[in-house]
Amino acid sequence: MSYVGKWRIVETSAWDTEYLDESEDASVEFTRDTGTMMFGYIHLEMDVAKEQIGNAELLGYSFVGNDEDHDVSGWGWFHQTQSKDEMEGKIYFHYGESSGIRIVR
């Protein structure tokens, strides 16, 4: 799984596409072991780790950041779809929302 670089958030199950691009283009950017995620008014710093679970390769992450002026934290994961330029996953906010999420290069 090649994931390093910038990805566009194109869909979530909890927020509509209008909200995703509210303050800037919704995106995820990965380095080898860190990343950032931005959508709506949410800005996150991520710690990233690739894991092999059975035949599936997952990209897991934990995050800290803010939603407007509120501190947030949580975790999530991505897996590559049949396209090398698309990943799907979940994001879980501690004590808050969870959502499916789809990103593309």
N, C-alpha and C. Protein backbone atom coordinates (compact mmCIF):
# COMPACT_ATOMS: atom_id res chain seq x y z
N MET A 1 0.86 -1.17 0.00
CA MET A 1 0.00 0.00 0.00
C MET A 1 0.90 1.24 0.00
N SER A 2 0.74 2.05 -1.01
CA SER A 2 1.47 3.31 -1.09
C SER A 2 0.52 4.44 -0.67
N TYR A 3 0.84 5.11 0.41
CA TYR A 3 -0.10 6.10 0.93
C TYR A 3 0.51 7.49 1.11
N VAL A 4 1.83 7.62 1.05
CA VAL A 4 2.48 8.91 1.30
C VAL A 4 2.04 9.93 0.24
N GLY A 5 1.70 11.12 0.69
CA GLY A 5 1.29 12.19 -0.21
C GLY A 5 -0.03 12.79 0.21
N LYS A 6 -0.57 13.64 -0.66
CA LYS A 6 -1.81 14.35 -0.37
C LYS A 6 -3.00 13.65 -1.02
N TRP A 7 -4.07 13.51 -0.26
CA TRP A 7 -5.31 12.87 -0.69
C TRP A 7 -6.46 13.86 -0.48
N ARG A 8 -7.49 13.73 -1.28
CA ARG A 8 -8.68 14.59 -1.18
C ARG A 8 -9.78 13.80 -0.47
N ILE A 9 -10.40 14.38 0.55
CA ILE A 9 -11.56 13.76 1.18
C ILE A 9 -12.76 14.03 0.29
N VAL A 10 -13.37 12.98 -0.24
CA VAL A 10 -14.49 13.16 -1.17
C VAL A 10 -15.84 12.78 -0.58
N GLU A 11 -15.83 12.04 0.52
CA GLU A 11 -17.11 11.61 1.09
C GLU A 11 -16.93 11.17 2.53
N THR A 12 -17.91 11.51 3.36
CA THR A 12 -18.03 10.96 4.71
C THR A 12 -19.48 10.60 4.95
N SER A 13 -19.71 9.73 5.92
CA SER A 13 -21.10 9.37 6.22
C SER A 13 -21.73 10.32 7.23
N ALA A 14 -20.93 11.12 7.93
CA ALA A 14 -21.47 12.01 8.97
C ALA A 14 -21.62 13.47 8.53
N TRP A 15 -20.81 13.91 7.57
CA TRP A 15 -20.83 15.31 7.15
C TRP A 15 -21.06 15.39 5.65
N ASP A 16 -21.86 16.37 5.20
CA ASP A 16 -22.12 16.50 3.77
C ASP A 16 -20.93 17.18 3.08
N THR A 17 -20.90 17.08 1.76
CA THR A 17 -19.76 17.59 1.00
C THR A 17 -19.61 19.10 1.12
N GLU A 18 -20.71 19.81 1.31
CA GLU A 18 -20.63 21.27 1.49
C GLU A 18 -19.83 21.60 2.75
N TYR A 19 -20.09 20.90 3.84
CA TYR A 19 -19.35 21.14 5.08
C TYR A 19 -17.88 20.77 4.93
N LEU A 20 -17.57 19.69 4.23
CA LEU A 20 -16.18 19.23 4.11
C LEU A 20 -15.25 20.34 3.64
N ASP A 21 -15.69 21.14 2.68
CA ASP A 21 -14.85 22.21 2.11
C ASP A 21 -15.17 23.59 2.68
N GLU A 22 -15.81 23.64 3.84
CA GLU A 22 -16.26 24.91 4.42
C GLU A 22 -15.13 25.93 4.62
N SER A 23 -14.00 25.52 5.21
CA SER A 23 -12.94 26.49 5.47
C SER A 23 -11.77 26.37 4.50
N GLU A 24 -11.55 25.21 3.93
CA GLU A 24 -10.52 24.96 2.92
C GLU A 24 -10.80 23.60 2.30
N ASP A 25 -10.04 23.24 1.26
CA ASP A 25 -10.27 21.95 0.61
C ASP A 25 -10.03 20.81 1.60
N ALA A 26 -11.00 19.91 1.71
CA ALA A 26 -10.90 18.77 2.63
C ALA A 26 -9.79 17.84 2.15
N SER A 27 -8.83 17.54 3.03
CA SER A 27 -7.69 16.73 2.59
C SER A 27 -7.07 15.97 3.74
N VAL A 28 -6.30 14.95 3.35
CA VAL A 28 -5.44 14.19 4.25
C VAL A 28 -4.06 14.18 3.60
N GLU A 29 -3.03 14.46 4.38
CA GLU A 29 -1.67 14.39 3.84
C GLU A 29 -0.84 13.49 4.76
N PHE A 30 -0.22 12.47 4.15
CA PHE A 30 0.57 11.49 4.90
C PHE A 30 2.05 11.64 4.60
N THR A 31 2.88 11.55 5.63
CA THR A 31 4.30 11.25 5.47
C THR A 31 4.41 9.77 5.83
N ARG A 32 5.62 9.28 6.06
CA ARG A 32 5.76 7.86 6.36
C ARG A 32 5.06 7.46 7.66
N ASP A 33 5.15 8.30 8.69
CA ASP A 33 4.58 7.91 9.98
C ASP A 33 3.79 9.02 10.68
N THR A 34 3.47 10.09 9.97
CA THR A 34 2.63 11.16 10.51
C THR A 34 1.69 11.65 9.42
N GLY A 35 0.83 12.56 9.77
CA GLY A 35 -0.06 13.13 8.77
C GLY A 35 -0.90 14.25 9.34
N THR A 36 -1.65 14.88 8.45
CA THR A 36 -2.62 15.90 8.83
C THR A 36 -3.93 15.61 8.12
N MET A 37 -5.03 15.99 8.75
CA MET A 37 -6.35 15.87 8.13
C MET A 37 -7.10 17.16 8.41
N MET A 38 -7.72 17.70 7.35
CA MET A 38 -8.47 18.94 7.49
C MET A 38 -9.78 18.84 6.73
N PHE A 39 -10.87 19.14 7.41
CA PHE A 39 -12.17 19.24 6.74
C PHE A 39 -13.09 20.07 7.62
N GLY A 40 -14.01 20.80 6.97
CA GLY A 40 -14.87 21.70 7.72
C GLY A 40 -14.02 22.64 8.54
N TYR A 41 -14.27 22.68 9.84
CA TYR A 41 -13.46 23.49 10.75
C TYR A 41 -12.58 22.60 11.63
N ILE A 42 -12.37 21.38 11.19
CA ILE A 42 -11.60 20.39 11.93
C ILE A 42 -10.20 20.30 11.36
N HIS A 43 -9.19 20.41 12.24
CA HIS A 43 -7.78 20.31 11.86
C HIS A 43 -7.12 19.30 12.78
N LEU A 44 -6.54 18.25 12.21
CA LEU A 44 -5.99 17.14 13.00
C LEU A 44 -4.54 16.86 12.65
N GLU A 45 -3.75 16.50 13.65
CA GLU A 45 -2.39 15.99 13.49
C GLU A 45 -2.45 14.50 13.81
N MET A 46 -1.87 13.68 12.93
CA MET A 46 -2.02 12.23 13.06
C MET A 46 -0.69 11.52 13.26
N ASP A 47 -0.73 10.44 14.02
CA ASP A 47 0.35 9.48 14.16
C ASP A 47 -0.11 8.26 13.37
N VAL A 48 0.67 7.80 12.39
CA VAL A 48 0.21 6.81 11.42
C VAL A 48 1.05 5.54 11.51
N ALA A 49 0.41 4.37 11.39
CA ALA A 49 1.13 3.09 11.38
C ALA A 49 0.43 2.12 10.44
N LYS A 50 1.21 1.46 9.60
CA LYS A 50 0.69 0.45 8.68
C LYS A 50 0.70 -0.90 9.38
N GLU A 51 -0.40 -1.66 9.25
CA GLU A 51 -0.51 -2.96 9.90
C GLU A 51 -1.05 -4.00 8.94
N GLN A 52 -0.55 -5.22 9.05
CA GLN A 52 -1.06 -6.35 8.30
C GLN A 52 -1.95 -7.16 9.23
N ILE A 53 -3.22 -7.31 8.88
CA ILE A 53 -4.16 -8.11 9.68
C ILE A 53 -4.73 -9.17 8.75
N GLY A 54 -4.26 -10.40 8.92
CA GLY A 54 -4.64 -11.45 7.98
C GLY A 54 -4.14 -11.08 6.59
N ASN A 55 -5.02 -11.10 5.61
CA ASN A 55 -4.66 -10.70 4.25
C ASN A 55 -4.84 -9.21 4.00
N ALA A 56 -5.39 -8.51 4.97
CA ALA A 56 -5.68 -7.08 4.80
C ALA A 56 -4.56 -6.21 5.35
N GLU A 57 -4.23 -5.17 4.60
CA GLU A 57 -3.28 -4.18 5.07
C GLU A 57 -4.06 -2.92 5.44
N LEU A 58 -3.92 -2.49 6.68
CA LEU A 58 -4.63 -1.31 7.16
C LEU A 58 -3.64 -0.22 7.52
N LEU A 59 -4.08 1.00 7.35
CA LEU A 59 -3.32 2.16 7.76
C LEU A 59 -4.06 2.75 8.96
N GLY A 60 -3.55 2.51 10.16
CA GLY A 60 -4.19 2.99 11.37
C GLY A 60 -3.62 4.33 11.78
N TYR A 61 -4.41 5.11 12.50
CA TYR A 61 -3.93 6.41 12.96
C TYR A 61 -4.63 6.82 14.25
N SER A 62 -3.92 7.58 15.05
CA SER A 62 -4.52 8.30 16.17
C SER A 62 -4.34 9.78 15.86
N PHE A 63 -5.15 10.62 16.49
CA PHE A 63 -5.04 12.04 16.19
C PHE A 63 -5.37 12.91 17.39
N VAL A 64 -4.84 14.13 17.33
CA VAL A 64 -5.21 15.23 18.22
C VAL A 64 -5.41 16.44 17.33
N GLY A 65 -6.23 17.37 17.80
CA GLY A 65 -6.45 18.56 16.99
C GLY A 65 -7.54 19.42 17.57
N ASN A 66 -8.20 20.17 16.68
CA ASN A 66 -9.29 21.02 17.15
C ASN A 66 -10.43 21.07 16.15
N ASP A 67 -11.61 21.29 16.69
CA ASP A 67 -12.84 21.48 15.93
C ASP A 67 -13.35 22.84 16.37
N GLU A 68 -13.16 23.84 15.51
CA GLU A 68 -13.34 25.24 15.89
C GLU A 68 -12.41 25.51 17.06
N ASP A 69 -12.88 25.83 18.23
CA ASP A 69 -11.96 26.09 19.35
C ASP A 69 -11.98 24.99 20.40
N HIS A 70 -12.44 23.81 20.05
CA HIS A 70 -12.53 22.69 20.99
C HIS A 70 -11.46 21.66 20.67
N ASP A 71 -10.73 21.22 21.71
CA ASP A 71 -9.75 20.16 21.53
C ASP A 71 -10.47 18.85 21.22
N VAL A 72 -9.92 18.08 20.27
CA VAL A 72 -10.47 16.78 19.93
C VAL A 72 -9.33 15.77 19.81
N SER A 73 -9.68 14.51 19.96
CA SER A 73 -8.73 13.42 19.77
C SER A 73 -9.51 12.19 19.35
N GLY A 74 -8.79 11.19 18.87
CA GLY A 74 -9.46 9.97 18.47
C GLY A 74 -8.54 9.06 17.67
N TRP A 75 -9.13 8.22 16.88
CA TRP A 75 -8.38 7.24 16.10
C TRP A 75 -9.19 6.84 14.87
N GLY A 76 -8.57 6.09 14.00
CA GLY A 76 -9.26 5.60 12.81
C GLY A 76 -8.37 4.71 11.98
N TRP A 77 -8.83 4.36 10.80
CA TRP A 77 -8.07 3.50 9.90
C TRP A 77 -8.54 3.72 8.46
N PHE A 78 -7.66 3.35 7.54
CA PHE A 78 -7.97 3.33 6.10
C PHE A 78 -7.53 2.00 5.54
N HIS A 79 -8.18 1.57 4.48
CA HIS A 79 -7.70 0.44 3.68
C HIS A 79 -7.83 0.84 2.22
N GLN A 80 -6.92 0.32 1.42
CA GLN A 80 -6.94 0.62 0.00
C GLN A 80 -8.07 -0.16 -0.67
N THR A 81 -8.80 0.50 -1.56
CA THR A 81 -9.84 -0.19 -2.33
C THR A 81 -9.15 -0.89 -3.50
N GLN A 82 -9.92 -1.37 -4.46
CA GLN A 82 -9.32 -2.01 -5.63
C GLN A 82 -8.51 -1.03 -6.46
N SER A 83 -8.76 0.24 -6.31
CA SER A 83 -7.98 1.28 -6.98
C SER A 83 -6.84 1.72 -6.07
N LYS A 84 -5.62 1.81 -6.60
CA LYS A 84 -4.50 2.27 -5.78
C LYS A 84 -4.62 3.75 -5.43
N ASP A 85 -5.55 4.46 -6.07
CA ASP A 85 -5.73 5.89 -5.82
C ASP A 85 -6.96 6.20 -4.99
N GLU A 86 -7.45 5.20 -4.23
CA GLU A 86 -8.62 5.41 -3.38
C GLU A 86 -8.48 4.58 -2.11
N MET A 87 -8.83 5.19 -0.97
CA MET A 87 -8.89 4.46 0.29
C MET A 87 -10.20 4.80 1.00
N GLU A 88 -10.68 3.85 1.76
CA GLU A 88 -11.87 4.02 2.58
C GLU A 88 -11.53 3.67 4.01
N GLY A 89 -12.28 4.20 4.95
CA GLY A 89 -12.00 3.89 6.34
C GLY A 89 -13.03 4.48 7.28
N LYS A 90 -12.60 4.63 8.52
CA LYS A 90 -13.44 5.18 9.58
C LYS A 90 -12.62 6.15 10.40
N ILE A 91 -13.31 7.13 10.97
CA ILE A 91 -12.72 8.07 11.92
C ILE A 91 -13.62 8.08 13.15
N TYR A 92 -12.98 7.98 14.32
CA TYR A 92 -13.70 7.93 15.60
C TYR A 92 -13.18 9.05 16.49
N PHE A 93 -14.05 9.98 16.89
CA PHE A 93 -13.69 11.02 17.83
C PHE A 93 -14.01 10.53 19.23
N HIS A 94 -13.04 10.66 20.17
CA HIS A 94 -13.32 10.29 21.55
C HIS A 94 -14.49 11.11 22.07
N TYR A 95 -15.47 10.45 22.66
CA TYR A 95 -16.66 11.08 23.23
C TYR A 95 -17.46 11.87 22.20
N GLY A 96 -17.44 11.44 20.93
CA GLY A 96 -18.15 12.20 19.91
C GLY A 96 -18.51 11.38 18.70
N GLU A 97 -18.47 12.01 17.55
CA GLU A 97 -18.89 11.44 16.28
C GLU A 97 -17.98 10.30 15.82
N SER A 98 -18.52 9.48 14.95
CA SER A 98 -17.73 8.56 14.15
C SER A 98 -18.30 8.63 12.74
N SER A 99 -17.47 8.30 11.77
CA SER A 99 -17.91 8.45 10.39
C SER A 99 -17.10 7.55 9.47
N GLY A 100 -17.76 7.07 8.44
CA GLY A 100 -17.04 6.48 7.32
C GLY A 100 -16.38 7.62 6.55
N ILE A 101 -15.30 7.32 5.87
CA ILE A 101 -14.58 8.36 5.12
C ILE A 101 -13.95 7.74 3.87
N ARG A 102 -14.01 8.47 2.77
CA ARG A 102 -13.41 8.00 1.51
C ARG A 102 -12.50 9.10 0.99
N ILE A 103 -11.25 8.71 0.61
CA ILE A 103 -10.28 9.67 0.10
C ILE A 103 -9.73 9.17 -1.24
N VAL A 104 -9.34 10.11 -2.10
CA VAL A 104 -8.76 9.79 -3.41
C VAL A 104 -7.53 10.66 -3.63
N ARG A 105 -6.61 10.17 -4.48
CA ARG A 105 -5.44 10.98 -4.84
C ARG A 105 -5.82 11.97 -5.90
